[in-house]
N, C-alpha and C. Protein backbone atom coordinates (compact mmCIF):
# COMPACT_ATOMS: atom_id res chain seq x y z
N MET A 1 -20.51 -27.55 -11.17
CA MET A 1 -19.58 -28.29 -12.05
C MET A 1 -19.61 -29.81 -11.68
N HIS A 2 -19.36 -30.55 -12.68
CA HIS A 2 -19.26 -31.98 -12.50
C HIS A 2 -17.95 -32.28 -11.83
N LYS A 3 -17.90 -33.41 -11.15
CA LYS A 3 -16.66 -33.74 -10.51
C LYS A 3 -15.51 -34.00 -11.47
N SER A 4 -15.85 -34.53 -12.68
CA SER A 4 -14.78 -34.81 -13.68
C SER A 4 -14.18 -33.48 -14.21
N CYS A 5 -15.03 -32.36 -14.29
CA CYS A 5 -14.57 -31.07 -14.76
C CYS A 5 -13.55 -30.53 -13.82
N VAL A 6 -13.86 -30.64 -12.47
CA VAL A 6 -12.97 -30.16 -11.45
C VAL A 6 -11.69 -30.97 -11.36
N ASP A 7 -11.78 -32.29 -11.60
CA ASP A 7 -10.63 -33.11 -11.58
C ASP A 7 -9.75 -32.74 -12.81
N ASP A 8 -10.36 -32.51 -13.99
CA ASP A 8 -9.61 -32.19 -15.12
C ASP A 8 -8.84 -30.82 -14.93
N MET A 9 -9.60 -29.88 -14.32
CA MET A 9 -8.98 -28.59 -14.13
C MET A 9 -7.74 -28.65 -13.13
N LYS A 10 -7.97 -29.51 -12.13
CA LYS A 10 -6.88 -29.71 -11.14
C LYS A 10 -5.62 -30.36 -11.79
N GLU A 11 -5.94 -31.38 -12.68
CA GLU A 11 -4.88 -32.06 -13.41
C GLU A 11 -4.13 -31.02 -14.29
N SER A 12 -4.92 -30.17 -15.00
CA SER A 12 -4.30 -29.24 -15.92
C SER A 12 -3.45 -28.17 -15.15
N LEU A 13 -3.92 -27.76 -14.04
CA LEU A 13 -3.19 -26.80 -13.17
C LEU A 13 -1.85 -27.49 -12.67
N PHE A 14 -2.06 -28.73 -12.21
CA PHE A 14 -0.91 -29.50 -11.69
C PHE A 14 0.14 -29.65 -12.80
N ARG A 15 -0.33 -30.04 -14.00
CA ARG A 15 0.61 -30.26 -15.15
C ARG A 15 1.31 -28.94 -15.54
N ASP A 16 0.59 -27.85 -15.53
CA ASP A 16 1.19 -26.59 -15.88
C ASP A 16 2.23 -26.18 -14.80
N ALA A 17 1.93 -26.43 -13.51
CA ALA A 17 2.88 -26.11 -12.43
C ALA A 17 4.15 -26.97 -12.60
N LEU A 18 3.98 -28.27 -12.94
CA LEU A 18 5.09 -29.10 -13.13
C LEU A 18 6.01 -28.61 -14.34
N HIS A 19 5.28 -28.20 -15.36
CA HIS A 19 6.04 -27.67 -16.52
C HIS A 19 6.87 -26.44 -16.23
N VAL A 20 6.29 -25.52 -15.44
CA VAL A 20 6.98 -24.29 -15.05
C VAL A 20 8.16 -24.65 -14.14
N MET A 21 7.89 -25.61 -13.16
CA MET A 21 8.99 -25.91 -12.24
C MET A 21 10.13 -26.71 -12.98
N GLY A 22 9.77 -27.54 -13.94
CA GLY A 22 10.77 -28.32 -14.69
C GLY A 22 11.56 -27.36 -15.58
N ALA A 23 10.89 -26.35 -16.21
CA ALA A 23 11.56 -25.40 -17.05
C ALA A 23 12.43 -24.52 -16.25
N SER A 24 12.06 -24.11 -15.00
CA SER A 24 12.96 -23.30 -14.22
C SER A 24 14.10 -24.11 -13.69
N ALA A 25 13.94 -25.37 -13.35
CA ALA A 25 15.04 -26.18 -12.92
C ALA A 25 16.09 -26.45 -14.03
N ALA A 26 15.55 -26.73 -15.19
CA ALA A 26 16.42 -26.91 -16.39
C ALA A 26 17.13 -25.62 -16.72
N LEU A 27 16.50 -24.52 -16.68
CA LEU A 27 17.18 -23.25 -17.00
C LEU A 27 18.23 -22.91 -15.93
N THR A 28 17.94 -23.23 -14.65
CA THR A 28 18.91 -23.03 -13.60
C THR A 28 20.18 -23.91 -13.84
N LEU A 29 19.95 -25.14 -14.17
CA LEU A 29 21.06 -26.05 -14.41
C LEU A 29 21.91 -25.56 -15.61
N VAL A 30 21.28 -25.09 -16.65
CA VAL A 30 22.00 -24.55 -17.85
C VAL A 30 22.76 -23.32 -17.41
N ILE A 31 22.14 -22.38 -16.71
CA ILE A 31 22.82 -21.18 -16.27
C ILE A 31 24.00 -21.50 -15.36
N TYR A 32 23.76 -22.44 -14.44
CA TYR A 32 24.82 -22.82 -13.51
C TYR A 32 26.05 -23.42 -14.27
N GLY A 33 25.73 -24.32 -15.17
CA GLY A 33 26.83 -24.94 -15.99
C GLY A 33 27.52 -23.90 -16.83
N VAL A 34 26.82 -23.06 -17.56
CA VAL A 34 27.52 -22.01 -18.36
C VAL A 34 28.36 -21.05 -17.46
N ASP A 35 27.82 -20.72 -16.30
CA ASP A 35 28.59 -19.86 -15.41
C ASP A 35 29.81 -20.47 -14.85
N VAL A 36 29.75 -21.71 -14.47
CA VAL A 36 30.95 -22.47 -14.00
C VAL A 36 31.95 -22.58 -15.13
N TRP A 37 31.48 -22.85 -16.30
CA TRP A 37 32.41 -23.03 -17.46
C TRP A 37 33.07 -21.67 -17.88
N LEU A 38 32.31 -20.56 -17.83
CA LEU A 38 32.85 -19.29 -18.26
C LEU A 38 33.54 -18.55 -17.16
N PHE A 39 33.09 -18.56 -15.89
CA PHE A 39 33.55 -17.67 -14.88
C PHE A 39 34.32 -18.39 -13.74
N SER A 40 34.68 -19.70 -13.83
CA SER A 40 35.33 -20.35 -12.76
C SER A 40 36.76 -19.90 -12.65
N SER A 41 37.44 -19.51 -13.66
CA SER A 41 38.84 -19.02 -13.59
C SER A 41 38.93 -17.53 -13.83
N SER A 42 37.90 -16.80 -13.65
CA SER A 42 37.94 -15.39 -13.89
C SER A 42 38.61 -14.67 -12.71
N ARG A 43 39.39 -13.71 -12.98
CA ARG A 43 40.07 -12.91 -11.91
C ARG A 43 39.26 -11.64 -11.65
N PHE A 44 38.34 -11.27 -12.56
CA PHE A 44 37.62 -9.95 -12.41
C PHE A 44 36.31 -10.00 -11.60
N ILE A 45 35.69 -11.19 -11.68
CA ILE A 45 34.36 -11.31 -10.95
C ILE A 45 34.26 -12.73 -10.44
N SER A 46 33.78 -12.83 -9.20
CA SER A 46 33.65 -14.15 -8.71
C SER A 46 32.38 -14.86 -9.16
N LEU A 47 32.41 -16.16 -9.02
CA LEU A 47 31.28 -16.98 -9.47
C LEU A 47 29.99 -16.68 -8.70
N ASP A 48 30.17 -16.35 -7.36
CA ASP A 48 29.00 -16.04 -6.56
C ASP A 48 28.40 -14.72 -6.94
N ASP A 49 29.19 -13.78 -7.34
CA ASP A 49 28.66 -12.47 -7.84
C ASP A 49 27.90 -12.61 -9.12
N VAL A 50 28.36 -13.48 -10.00
CA VAL A 50 27.70 -13.78 -11.26
C VAL A 50 26.37 -14.41 -10.97
N PHE A 51 26.25 -15.33 -10.03
CA PHE A 51 24.92 -15.93 -9.64
C PHE A 51 23.99 -14.90 -9.16
N PHE A 52 24.51 -13.99 -8.29
CA PHE A 52 23.63 -12.92 -7.78
C PHE A 52 23.14 -12.02 -8.86
N LEU A 53 24.02 -11.57 -9.73
CA LEU A 53 23.58 -10.65 -10.82
C LEU A 53 22.60 -11.32 -11.73
N GLU A 54 22.78 -12.58 -12.04
CA GLU A 54 21.92 -13.29 -12.95
C GLU A 54 20.60 -13.51 -12.30
N ALA A 55 20.58 -13.81 -11.01
CA ALA A 55 19.37 -14.01 -10.24
C ALA A 55 18.54 -12.78 -10.20
N VAL A 56 19.16 -11.66 -9.96
CA VAL A 56 18.37 -10.38 -9.93
C VAL A 56 17.86 -10.05 -11.34
N PHE A 57 18.68 -10.27 -12.33
CA PHE A 57 18.22 -10.07 -13.75
C PHE A 57 17.10 -10.93 -14.10
N ALA A 58 17.14 -12.26 -13.77
CA ALA A 58 16.09 -13.18 -14.08
C ALA A 58 14.84 -12.81 -13.37
N VAL A 59 14.83 -12.37 -12.09
CA VAL A 59 13.63 -11.99 -11.42
C VAL A 59 12.99 -10.75 -12.00
N LEU A 60 13.86 -9.79 -12.36
CA LEU A 60 13.34 -8.58 -12.96
C LEU A 60 12.62 -8.83 -14.31
N VAL A 61 13.33 -9.64 -15.13
CA VAL A 61 12.76 -9.96 -16.48
C VAL A 61 11.54 -10.79 -16.27
N GLY A 62 11.52 -11.75 -15.32
CA GLY A 62 10.32 -12.52 -15.08
C GLY A 62 9.11 -11.71 -14.63
N VAL A 63 9.36 -10.68 -13.82
CA VAL A 63 8.32 -9.80 -13.36
C VAL A 63 7.77 -8.95 -14.55
N MET A 64 8.72 -8.53 -15.43
CA MET A 64 8.26 -7.80 -16.56
C MET A 64 7.48 -8.59 -17.52
N LEU A 65 7.86 -9.87 -17.73
CA LEU A 65 7.06 -10.79 -18.58
C LEU A 65 5.76 -11.13 -17.93
N LEU A 66 5.72 -11.26 -16.57
CA LEU A 66 4.45 -11.57 -15.94
C LEU A 66 3.52 -10.42 -15.96
N LEU A 67 3.99 -9.18 -15.86
CA LEU A 67 3.10 -8.04 -15.92
C LEU A 67 2.62 -7.82 -17.34
N GLY A 68 3.41 -8.10 -18.30
CA GLY A 68 3.07 -8.08 -19.70
C GLY A 68 3.17 -6.62 -20.25
N SER A 69 2.71 -6.51 -21.45
CA SER A 69 2.75 -5.18 -22.09
C SER A 69 1.36 -4.97 -22.75
N GLY A 70 1.00 -3.74 -22.87
CA GLY A 70 -0.26 -3.44 -23.48
C GLY A 70 -0.03 -2.27 -24.32
N GLY A 71 -1.09 -1.85 -24.95
CA GLY A 71 -0.94 -0.67 -25.76
C GLY A 71 -1.27 -0.97 -27.18
N ILE A 72 -0.90 0.04 -27.99
CA ILE A 72 -1.26 -0.03 -29.41
C ILE A 72 0.00 -0.61 -30.14
N GLY A 73 -0.18 -1.66 -30.75
CA GLY A 73 0.89 -2.28 -31.57
C GLY A 73 0.73 -2.02 -33.05
N ARG A 74 1.55 -2.67 -33.84
CA ARG A 74 1.46 -2.51 -35.28
C ARG A 74 0.24 -2.95 -35.86
N GLY A 75 -0.23 -4.06 -35.38
CA GLY A 75 -1.49 -4.57 -35.89
C GLY A 75 -2.71 -3.64 -35.67
N SER A 76 -2.71 -3.00 -34.50
CA SER A 76 -3.67 -2.02 -34.25
C SER A 76 -3.63 -0.81 -35.08
N GLU A 77 -2.38 -0.37 -35.43
CA GLU A 77 -2.18 0.74 -36.28
C GLU A 77 -2.70 0.47 -37.72
N ARG A 78 -2.34 -0.72 -38.18
CA ARG A 78 -2.77 -1.14 -39.53
C ARG A 78 -4.29 -1.24 -39.62
N ALA A 79 -4.88 -1.77 -38.57
CA ALA A 79 -6.38 -1.87 -38.55
C ALA A 79 -7.01 -0.47 -38.54
N ALA A 80 -6.42 0.43 -37.79
CA ALA A 80 -6.95 1.83 -37.72
C ALA A 80 -6.75 2.52 -39.06
N MET A 81 -5.68 2.25 -39.79
CA MET A 81 -5.48 2.84 -41.10
C MET A 81 -6.49 2.32 -42.07
N LEU A 82 -6.75 0.95 -42.07
CA LEU A 82 -7.74 0.43 -42.89
C LEU A 82 -9.15 0.94 -42.53
N ALA A 83 -9.43 1.08 -41.32
CA ALA A 83 -10.76 1.64 -40.90
C ALA A 83 -10.91 3.06 -41.37
N SER A 84 -9.81 3.83 -41.29
CA SER A 84 -9.85 5.23 -41.78
C SER A 84 -10.04 5.27 -43.27
N ALA A 85 -9.44 4.40 -44.00
CA ALA A 85 -9.54 4.38 -45.44
C ALA A 85 -10.97 3.90 -45.81
N ALA A 86 -11.49 2.94 -45.07
CA ALA A 86 -12.87 2.45 -45.40
C ALA A 86 -13.92 3.56 -45.10
N SER A 87 -13.71 4.28 -44.03
CA SER A 87 -14.61 5.36 -43.68
C SER A 87 -14.52 6.54 -44.68
N GLY A 88 -13.29 6.72 -45.19
CA GLY A 88 -13.08 7.76 -46.20
C GLY A 88 -13.73 7.44 -47.54
N MET A 89 -13.84 6.17 -47.80
CA MET A 89 -14.57 5.73 -49.06
C MET A 89 -16.06 5.62 -48.85
N GLY A 90 -16.52 5.96 -47.70
CA GLY A 90 -18.01 6.04 -47.47
C GLY A 90 -18.59 4.71 -46.99
N ARG A 91 -17.75 3.78 -46.64
CA ARG A 91 -18.32 2.48 -46.17
C ARG A 91 -18.56 2.54 -44.67
N ASP A 92 -19.50 1.82 -44.20
CA ASP A 92 -19.87 1.76 -42.82
C ASP A 92 -18.91 0.78 -42.12
N SER A 93 -18.00 1.34 -41.26
CA SER A 93 -17.09 0.49 -40.53
C SER A 93 -16.81 1.14 -39.17
N VAL A 94 -16.05 0.36 -38.37
CA VAL A 94 -15.61 0.89 -37.09
C VAL A 94 -14.55 1.95 -37.35
N GLY A 95 -14.66 3.07 -36.66
CA GLY A 95 -13.67 4.11 -36.87
C GLY A 95 -12.33 3.90 -36.22
N PRO A 96 -11.30 4.63 -36.57
CA PRO A 96 -10.00 4.43 -36.01
C PRO A 96 -9.94 4.76 -34.53
N SER A 97 -10.69 5.77 -34.04
CA SER A 97 -10.70 6.07 -32.64
C SER A 97 -11.23 4.96 -31.82
N GLU A 98 -12.26 4.27 -32.38
CA GLU A 98 -12.85 3.13 -31.62
C GLU A 98 -11.87 1.96 -31.52
N LEU A 99 -11.08 1.77 -32.65
CA LEU A 99 -10.07 0.72 -32.61
C LEU A 99 -9.01 1.02 -31.58
N TYR A 100 -8.51 2.28 -31.53
CA TYR A 100 -7.50 2.70 -30.60
C TYR A 100 -8.07 2.59 -29.18
N ARG A 101 -9.26 2.95 -28.95
CA ARG A 101 -9.82 2.92 -27.58
C ARG A 101 -9.94 1.38 -27.10
N ARG A 102 -10.28 0.56 -28.08
CA ARG A 102 -10.40 -0.84 -27.75
C ARG A 102 -9.05 -1.54 -27.45
N ASP A 103 -8.00 -1.19 -28.21
CA ASP A 103 -6.77 -1.85 -28.08
C ASP A 103 -5.78 -1.10 -27.16
N ALA A 104 -6.11 -0.04 -26.62
CA ALA A 104 -5.14 0.79 -25.87
C ALA A 104 -4.73 0.08 -24.56
N TRP A 105 -5.63 -0.56 -23.89
CA TRP A 105 -5.31 -1.21 -22.63
C TRP A 105 -5.54 -2.73 -22.63
N LYS A 106 -5.25 -3.32 -23.73
CA LYS A 106 -5.40 -4.79 -23.81
C LYS A 106 -4.08 -5.43 -23.44
N PRO A 107 -3.84 -5.85 -22.23
CA PRO A 107 -2.57 -6.35 -21.80
C PRO A 107 -2.30 -7.81 -22.36
N THR A 108 -1.10 -7.99 -22.67
CA THR A 108 -0.66 -9.32 -23.14
C THR A 108 0.56 -9.68 -22.27
N SER A 109 0.53 -10.89 -21.74
CA SER A 109 1.65 -11.30 -20.92
C SER A 109 2.05 -12.70 -21.20
N HIS A 110 3.20 -13.08 -20.76
CA HIS A 110 3.72 -14.41 -20.86
C HIS A 110 3.85 -14.98 -19.46
N VAL A 111 2.77 -15.53 -18.96
CA VAL A 111 2.73 -15.91 -17.56
C VAL A 111 3.70 -17.06 -17.24
N LYS A 112 3.65 -18.12 -18.08
CA LYS A 112 4.49 -19.27 -17.75
C LYS A 112 6.03 -18.93 -17.89
N ALA A 113 6.38 -18.12 -18.87
CA ALA A 113 7.81 -17.78 -18.98
C ALA A 113 8.22 -16.87 -17.83
N GLY A 114 7.34 -15.93 -17.48
CA GLY A 114 7.61 -15.07 -16.34
C GLY A 114 7.80 -15.80 -14.98
N LEU A 115 6.85 -16.78 -14.73
CA LEU A 115 7.03 -17.54 -13.54
C LEU A 115 8.26 -18.42 -13.58
N ALA A 116 8.57 -18.93 -14.77
CA ALA A 116 9.78 -19.78 -14.81
C ALA A 116 11.02 -18.97 -14.53
N LEU A 117 11.12 -17.72 -15.09
CA LEU A 117 12.26 -16.91 -14.79
C LEU A 117 12.30 -16.40 -13.38
N ILE A 118 11.19 -16.12 -12.80
CA ILE A 118 11.21 -15.74 -11.36
C ILE A 118 11.62 -16.92 -10.50
N MET A 119 11.17 -18.09 -10.76
CA MET A 119 11.62 -19.26 -10.02
C MET A 119 13.08 -19.54 -10.23
N THR A 120 13.62 -19.37 -11.49
CA THR A 120 14.97 -19.54 -11.74
C THR A 120 15.82 -18.53 -10.93
N GLY A 121 15.35 -17.29 -10.95
CA GLY A 121 16.04 -16.33 -10.11
C GLY A 121 16.10 -16.61 -8.66
N MET A 122 15.00 -17.13 -8.17
CA MET A 122 14.98 -17.51 -6.75
C MET A 122 15.93 -18.70 -6.44
N ILE A 123 15.96 -19.64 -7.31
CA ILE A 123 16.88 -20.76 -7.13
C ILE A 123 18.33 -20.29 -7.18
N LEU A 124 18.64 -19.35 -8.10
CA LEU A 124 19.98 -18.80 -8.19
C LEU A 124 20.32 -18.05 -6.92
N LEU A 125 19.34 -17.33 -6.37
CA LEU A 125 19.55 -16.61 -5.11
C LEU A 125 19.83 -17.60 -3.97
N VAL A 126 19.09 -18.64 -3.97
CA VAL A 126 19.31 -19.71 -2.92
C VAL A 126 20.78 -20.27 -3.09
N ILE A 127 21.16 -20.48 -4.29
CA ILE A 127 22.59 -20.92 -4.52
C ILE A 127 23.56 -19.90 -4.05
N TYR A 128 23.30 -18.60 -4.37
CA TYR A 128 24.20 -17.58 -3.98
C TYR A 128 24.32 -17.48 -2.41
N PHE A 129 23.16 -17.49 -1.71
CA PHE A 129 23.26 -17.30 -0.24
C PHE A 129 23.73 -18.62 0.44
N ALA A 130 23.51 -19.78 -0.18
CA ALA A 130 23.95 -21.07 0.38
C ALA A 130 25.46 -21.17 0.19
N SER A 131 26.06 -20.54 -0.81
CA SER A 131 27.47 -20.65 -0.99
C SER A 131 28.26 -19.96 0.12
N TYR A 132 27.72 -19.06 0.85
CA TYR A 132 28.36 -18.48 1.95
C TYR A 132 28.36 -19.29 3.26
N TYR A 133 27.37 -20.17 3.35
CA TYR A 133 27.23 -20.96 4.52
C TYR A 133 27.79 -22.40 4.42
N PHE A 134 28.17 -22.74 3.17
CA PHE A 134 28.70 -24.13 3.02
C PHE A 134 30.02 -24.06 2.29
């Protein structure tokens, strides 16, 4: 590769990392502000417990988004129905079983959103554990 291609790739990676970190920091500030506003005078649950629960929830949802989902969606079902109808009319097309086989394990994930939620959860956990020491 040319040196400029490597530099462009490094810049793109750095820019994406900054976007994820900025989004997680902004999301943490929003969650922190909303929690302080809603739960600062609550008698039923403490603010620290809310931070812990939201941190665990954010990490779990982030991991789920990072892993993604796969399988047969509505678009695959429609394409299989159209392929079945086309083969029923005698036209040469890809069969529904081939469409299902192709789309069955095609994972789709939201990597940036997942990483931002995981980082947000980690920051909230740091806030939770730091609140006991300060």
